[in-house]
Amino acid sequence: RLADAYDNKLDCWGRQAVRELVAT
């Protein structure tokens, strides 16, 4: 579900925020 949201519902800023949160 998260992967679907990442690919289809987030813009570039949202994807960057997800990547930073996952790394943290």
PDB file of all heavy atoms in Angstrom:
ATOM      1  N   ARG A   1       0.840  -1.213   0.000  1.00  0.00           N
ATOM      2  CA  ARG A   1       0.000   0.000   0.000  1.00  0.00           C
ATOM      3  C   ARG A   1       0.870   1.256   0.000  1.00  0.00           C
ATOM      4  O   ARG A   1       0.609   2.217  -0.726  1.00  0.00           O
ATOM      5  CB  ARG A   1      -0.917   0.000   1.219  1.00  0.00           C
ATOM      6  CG  ARG A   1      -1.898   1.170   1.244  1.00  0.00           C
ATOM      7  CD  ARG A   1      -2.766   1.134   2.494  1.00  0.00           C
ATOM      8  NE  ARG A   1      -1.971   1.382   3.683  1.00  0.00           N
ATOM      9  CZ  ARG A   1      -1.600   2.606   4.093  1.00  0.00           C
ATOM     10  NH1 ARG A   1      -1.963   3.668   3.400  1.00  0.00           N
ATOM     11  NH2 ARG A   1      -0.895   2.747   5.187  1.00  0.00           N
ATOM     12  N   LEU A   2       1.935   1.243   0.829  1.00  0.00           N
ATOM     13  CA  LEU A   2       2.833   2.391   0.881  1.00  0.00           C
ATOM     14  C   LEU A   2       3.563   2.591  -0.445  1.00  0.00           C
ATOM     15  O   LEU A   2       3.765   3.721  -0.903  1.00  0.00           O
ATOM     16  CB  LEU A   2       3.835   2.218   2.017  1.00  0.00           C
ATOM     17  CG  LEU A   2       3.252   2.278   3.431  1.00  0.00           C
ATOM     18  CD1 LEU A   2       4.317   1.925   4.462  1.00  0.00           C
ATOM     19  CD2 LEU A   2       2.669   3.649   3.721  1.00  0.00           C
ATOM     20  N   ALA A   3       3.972   1.462  -1.050  1.00  0.00           N
ATOM     21  CA  ALA A   3       4.658   1.557  -2.339  1.00  0.00           C
ATOM     22  C   ALA A   3       3.732   2.140  -3.408  1.00  0.00           C
ATOM     23  O   ALA A   3       4.156   2.949  -4.243  1.00  0.00           O
ATOM     24  CB  ALA A   3       5.166   0.181  -2.758  1.00  0.00           C
ATOM     25  N   ASP A   4       2.468   1.746  -3.373  1.00  0.00           N
ATOM     26  CA  ASP A   4       1.503   2.275  -4.334  1.00  0.00           C
ATOM     27  C   ASP A   4       1.338   3.781  -4.145  1.00  0.00           C
ATOM     28  O   ASP A   4       1.306   4.547  -5.113  1.00  0.00           O
ATOM     29  CB  ASP A   4       0.162   1.565  -4.170  1.00  0.00           C
ATOM     30  CG  ASP A   4      -0.896   2.127  -5.100  1.00  0.00           C
ATOM     31  OD1 ASP A   4      -0.781   1.923  -6.314  1.00  0.00           O
ATOM     32  OD2 ASP A   4      -1.841   2.785  -4.601  1.00  0.00           O
ATOM     33  N   ALA A   5       1.247   4.223  -2.884  1.00  0.00           N
ATOM     34  CA  ALA A   5       1.122   5.655  -2.598  1.00  0.00           C
ATOM     35  C   ALA A   5       2.372   6.408  -3.044  1.00  0.00           C
ATOM     36  O   ALA A   5       2.289   7.502  -3.611  1.00  0.00           O
ATOM     37  CB  ALA A   5       0.874   5.873  -1.107  1.00  0.00           C
ATOM     38  N   TYR A   6       3.536   5.811  -2.809  1.00  0.00           N
ATOM     39  CA  TYR A   6       4.804   6.448  -3.187  1.00  0.00           C
ATOM     40  C   TYR A   6       4.859   6.662  -4.699  1.00  0.00           C
ATOM     41  O   TYR A   6       5.245   7.727  -5.178  1.00  0.00           O
ATOM     42  CB  TYR A   6       5.971   5.572  -2.725  1.00  0.00           C
ATOM     43  CG  TYR A   6       7.342   6.123  -3.049  1.00  0.00           C
ATOM     44  CD1 TYR A   6       8.017   6.937  -2.137  1.00  0.00           C
ATOM     45  CD2 TYR A   6       7.965   5.825  -4.258  1.00  0.00           C
ATOM     46  CE1 TYR A   6       9.274   7.450  -2.433  1.00  0.00           C
ATOM     47  CE2 TYR A   6       9.215   6.336  -4.567  1.00  0.00           C
ATOM     48  CZ  TYR A   6       9.875   7.139  -3.647  1.00  0.00           C
ATOM     49  OH  TYR A   6      11.110   7.646  -3.943  1.00  0.00           O
ATOM     50  N   ASP A   7       4.477   5.635  -5.460  1.00  0.00           N
ATOM     51  CA  ASP A   7       4.584   5.704  -6.916  1.00  0.00           C
ATOM     52  C   ASP A   7       3.487   6.547  -7.558  1.00  0.00           C
ATOM     53  O   ASP A   7       3.725   7.208  -8.570  1.00  0.00           O
ATOM     54  CB  ASP A   7       4.544   4.300  -7.520  1.00  0.00           C
ATOM     55  CG  ASP A   7       5.863   3.551  -7.334  1.00  0.00           C
ATOM     56  OD1 ASP A   7       6.900   4.215  -7.141  1.00  0.00           O
ATOM     57  OD2 ASP A   7       5.847   2.312  -7.383  1.00  0.00           O
ATOM     58  N   ASN A   8       2.284   6.537  -6.970  1.00  0.00           N
ATOM     59  CA  ASN A   8       1.133   7.084  -7.676  1.00  0.00           C
ATOM     60  C   ASN A   8       0.487   8.309  -7.036  1.00  0.00           C
ATOM     61  O   ASN A   8      -0.332   8.974  -7.686  1.00  0.00           O
ATOM     62  CB  ASN A   8       0.061   5.990  -7.828  1.00  0.00           C
ATOM     63  CG  ASN A   8       0.583   4.786  -8.592  1.00  0.00           C
ATOM     64  OD1 ASN A   8       1.184   4.930  -9.651  1.00  0.00           O
ATOM     65  ND2 ASN A   8       0.367   3.589  -8.054  1.00  0.00           N
ATOM     66  N   LYS A   9       0.828   8.619  -5.775  1.00  0.00           N
ATOM     67  CA  LYS A   9       0.111   9.698  -5.094  1.00  0.00           C
ATOM     68  C   LYS A   9       1.011  10.815  -4.579  1.00  0.00           C
ATOM     69  O   LYS A   9       0.509  11.875  -4.207  1.00  0.00           O
ATOM     70  CB  LYS A   9      -0.696   9.127  -3.923  1.00  0.00           C
ATOM     71  CG  LYS A   9      -1.755   8.131  -4.364  1.00  0.00           C
ATOM     72  CD  LYS A   9      -2.533   7.567  -3.190  1.00  0.00           C
ATOM     73  CE  LYS A   9      -3.568   6.548  -3.651  1.00  0.00           C
ATOM     74  NZ  LYS A   9      -4.325   5.973  -2.523  1.00  0.00           N
ATOM     75  N   LEU A  10       2.325  10.587  -4.519  1.00  0.00           N
ATOM     76  CA  LEU A  10       3.229  11.596  -3.981  1.00  0.00           C
ATOM     77  C   LEU A  10       3.952  12.327  -5.098  1.00  0.00           C
ATOM     78  O   LEU A  10       4.275  11.743  -6.134  1.00  0.00           O
ATOM     79  CB  LEU A  10       4.269  10.943  -3.061  1.00  0.00           C
ATOM     80  CG  LEU A  10       3.733  10.221  -1.818  1.00  0.00           C
ATOM     81  CD1 LEU A  10       4.892   9.653  -1.010  1.00  0.00           C
ATOM     82  CD2 LEU A  10       2.881  11.140  -0.959  1.00  0.00           C
ATOM     83  N   ASP A  11       4.219  13.619  -4.858  1.00  0.00           N
ATOM     84  CA  ASP A  11       5.070  14.356  -5.789  1.00  0.00           C
ATOM     85  C   ASP A  11       6.532  14.165  -5.393  1.00  0.00           C
ATOM     86  O   ASP A  11       6.846  13.405  -4.469  1.00  0.00           O
ATOM     87  CB  ASP A  11       4.689  15.839  -5.820  1.00  0.00           C
ATOM     88  CG  ASP A  11       4.818  16.516  -4.455  1.00  0.00           C
ATOM     89  OD1 ASP A  11       5.452  15.929  -3.541  1.00  0.00           O
ATOM     90  OD2 ASP A  11       4.291  17.627  -4.300  1.00  0.00           O
ATOM     91  N   CYS A  12       7.444  14.859  -6.080  1.00  0.00           N
ATOM     92  CA  CYS A  12       8.877  14.643  -5.829  1.00  0.00           C
ATOM     93  C   CYS A  12       9.254  15.018  -4.408  1.00  0.00           C
ATOM     94  O   CYS A  12      10.120  14.387  -3.797  1.00  0.00           O
ATOM     95  CB  CYS A  12       9.713  15.420  -6.845  1.00  0.00           C
ATOM     96  SG  CYS A  12       9.498  17.219  -6.774  1.00  0.00           S
ATOM     97  N   TRP A  13       8.589  16.043  -3.836  1.00  0.00           N
ATOM     98  CA  TRP A  13       8.910  16.448  -2.460  1.00  0.00           C
ATOM     99  C   TRP A  13       8.430  15.412  -1.460  1.00  0.00           C
ATOM    100  O   TRP A  13       9.118  15.113  -0.475  1.00  0.00           O
ATOM    101  CB  TRP A  13       8.281  17.811  -2.172  1.00  0.00           C
ATOM    102  CG  TRP A  13       8.747  18.876  -3.102  1.00  0.00           C
ATOM    103  CD1 TRP A  13       8.040  19.486  -4.103  1.00  0.00           C
ATOM    104  CD2 TRP A  13      10.057  19.458  -3.161  1.00  0.00           C
ATOM    105  NE1 TRP A  13       8.805  20.402  -4.779  1.00  0.00           N
ATOM    106  CE2 TRP A  13      10.054  20.408  -4.216  1.00  0.00           C
ATOM    107  CE3 TRP A  13      11.223  19.265  -2.429  1.00  0.00           C
ATOM    108  CZ2 TRP A  13      11.176  21.159  -4.542  1.00  0.00           C
ATOM    109  CZ3 TRP A  13      12.340  20.015  -2.753  1.00  0.00           C
ATOM    110  CH2 TRP A  13      12.320  20.949  -3.790  1.00  0.00           C
ATOM    111  N   GLY A  14       7.253  14.860  -1.715  1.00  0.00           N
ATOM    112  CA  GLY A  14       6.747  13.815  -0.839  1.00  0.00           C
ATOM    113  C   GLY A  14       7.622  12.579  -0.863  1.00  0.00           C
ATOM    114  O   GLY A  14       7.893  11.968   0.178  1.00  0.00           O
ATOM    115  N   ARG A  15       8.094  12.204  -2.048  1.00  0.00           N
ATOM    116  CA  ARG A  15       8.970  11.034  -2.160  1.00  0.00           C
ATOM    117  C   ARG A  15      10.295  11.274  -1.441  1.00  0.00           C
ATOM    118  O   ARG A  15      10.832  10.382  -0.771  1.00  0.00           O
ATOM    119  CB  ARG A  15       9.210  10.704  -3.627  1.00  0.00           C
ATOM    120  CG  ARG A  15       7.949  10.202  -4.339  1.00  0.00           C
ATOM    121  CD  ARG A  15       8.193  10.027  -5.821  1.00  0.00           C
ATOM    122  NE  ARG A  15       6.950   9.658  -6.510  1.00  0.00           N
ATOM    123  CZ  ARG A  15       6.821   9.570  -7.832  1.00  0.00           C
ATOM    124  NH1 ARG A  15       7.866   9.824  -8.597  1.00  0.00           N
ATOM    125  NH2 ARG A  15       5.682   9.231  -8.361  1.00  0.00           N
ATOM    126  N   GLN A  16      10.839  12.501  -1.561  1.00  0.00           N
ATOM    127  CA  GLN A  16      12.079  12.823  -0.861  1.00  0.00           C
ATOM    128  C   GLN A  16      11.884  12.731   0.644  1.00  0.00           C
ATOM    129  O   GLN A  16      12.742  12.212   1.369  1.00  0.00           O
ATOM    130  CB  GLN A  16      12.536  14.235  -1.254  1.00  0.00           C
ATOM    131  CG  GLN A  16      13.782  14.722  -0.520  1.00  0.00           C
ATOM    132  CD  GLN A  16      15.014  13.901  -0.854  1.00  0.00           C
ATOM    133  OE1 GLN A  16      15.080  13.287  -1.910  1.00  0.00           O
ATOM    134  NE2 GLN A  16      15.979  13.881   0.042  1.00  0.00           N
ATOM    135  N   ALA A  17      10.734  13.213   1.134  1.00  0.00           N
ATOM    136  CA  ALA A  17      10.448  13.148   2.572  1.00  0.00           C
ATOM    137  C   ALA A  17      10.368  11.696   3.046  1.00  0.00           C
ATOM    138  O   ALA A  17      10.868  11.355   4.124  1.00  0.00           O
ATOM    139  CB  ALA A  17       9.139  13.880   2.881  1.00  0.00           C
ATOM    140  N   VAL A  18       9.746  10.829   2.228  1.00  0.00           N
ATOM    141  CA  VAL A  18       9.655   9.407   2.585  1.00  0.00           C
ATOM    142  C   VAL A  18      11.043   8.789   2.637  1.00  0.00           C
ATOM    143  O   VAL A  18      11.380   8.049   3.571  1.00  0.00           O
ATOM    144  CB  VAL A  18       8.756   8.655   1.577  1.00  0.00           C
ATOM    145  CG1 VAL A  18       8.863   7.143   1.782  1.00  0.00           C
ATOM    146  CG2 VAL A  18       7.305   9.087   1.745  1.00  0.00           C
ATOM    147  N   ARG A  19      11.888   9.086   1.638  1.00  0.00           N
ATOM    148  CA  ARG A  19      13.244   8.522   1.624  1.00  0.00           C
ATOM    149  C   ARG A  19      14.040   8.964   2.846  1.00  0.00           C
ATOM    150  O   ARG A  19      14.745   8.164   3.464  1.00  0.00           O
ATOM    151  CB  ARG A  19      13.965   8.930   0.329  1.00  0.00           C
ATOM    152  CG  ARG A  19      13.410   8.264  -0.926  1.00  0.00           C
ATOM    153  CD  ARG A  19      14.366   8.417  -2.094  1.00  0.00           C
ATOM    154  NE  ARG A  19      14.525   9.806  -2.491  1.00  0.00           N
ATOM    155  CZ  ARG A  19      13.754  10.417  -3.398  1.00  0.00           C
ATOM    156  NH1 ARG A  19      12.764   9.753  -3.986  1.00  0.00           N
ATOM    157  NH2 ARG A  19      13.970  11.675  -3.725  1.00  0.00           N
ATOM    158  N   GLU A  20      13.926  10.246   3.207  1.00  0.00           N
ATOM    159  CA  GLU A  20      14.663  10.753   4.365  1.00  0.00           C
ATOM    160  C   GLU A  20      14.167  10.097   5.650  1.00  0.00           C
ATOM    161  O   GLU A  20      14.964   9.747   6.524  1.00  0.00           O
ATOM    162  CB  GLU A  20      14.527  12.269   4.443  1.00  0.00           C
ATOM    163  CG  GLU A  20      15.268  13.002   3.329  1.00  0.00           C
ATOM    164  CD  GLU A  20      15.099  14.510   3.409  1.00  0.00           C
ATOM    165  OE1 GLU A  20      14.349  14.981   4.301  1.00  0.00           O
ATOM    166  OE2 GLU A  20      15.711  15.223   2.592  1.00  0.00           O
ATOM    167  N   LEU A  21      12.832   9.943   5.768  1.00  0.00           N
ATOM    168  CA  LEU A  21      12.280   9.323   6.969  1.00  0.00           C
ATOM    169  C   LEU A  21      12.729   7.872   7.084  1.00  0.00           C
ATOM    170  O   LEU A  21      13.114   7.413   8.171  1.00  0.00           O
ATOM    171  CB  LEU A  21      10.748   9.397   6.948  1.00  0.00           C
ATOM    172  CG  LEU A  21      10.034   8.722   8.128  1.00  0.00           C
ATOM    173  CD1 LEU A  21      10.458   9.361   9.441  1.00  0.00           C
ATOM    174  CD2 LEU A  21       8.522   8.802   7.953  1.00  0.00           C
ATOM    175  N   VAL A  22      12.696   7.131   5.973  1.00  0.00           N
ATOM    176  CA  VAL A  22      13.121   5.727   5.993  1.00  0.00           C
ATOM    177  C   VAL A  22      14.594   5.626   6.380  1.00  0.00           C
ATOM    178  O   VAL A  22      14.984   4.778   7.198  1.00  0.00           O
ATOM    179  CB  VAL A  22      12.865   5.060   4.621  1.00  0.00           C
ATOM    180  CG1 VAL A  22      13.530   3.690   4.563  1.00  0.00           C
ATOM    181  CG2 VAL A  22      11.367   4.923   4.379  1.00  0.00           C
ATOM    182  N   ALA A  23      15.436   6.507   5.817  1.00  0.00           N
ATOM    183  CA  ALA A  23      16.869   6.485   6.152  1.00  0.00           C
ATOM    184  C   ALA A  23      17.088   6.787   7.626  1.00  0.00           C
ATOM    185  O   ALA A  23      17.898   6.145   8.306  1.00  0.00           O
ATOM    186  CB  ALA A  23      17.626   7.485   5.281  1.00  0.00           C
ATOM    187  N   THR A  24      16.344   7.761   8.151  1.00  0.00           N
ATOM    188  CA  THR A  24      16.469   8.138   9.566  1.00  0.00           C
ATOM    189  C   THR A  24      16.058   6.988  10.477  1.00  0.00           C
ATOM    190  O   THR A  24      16.755   6.648  11.437  1.00  0.00           O
ATOM    191  CB  THR A  24      15.607   9.375   9.857  1.00  0.00           C
ATOM    192  OG1 THR A  24      16.127  10.492   9.149  1.00  0.00           O
ATOM    193  CG2 THR A  24      15.614   9.705  11.350  1.00  0.00           C
TER     194      THR A  24
END
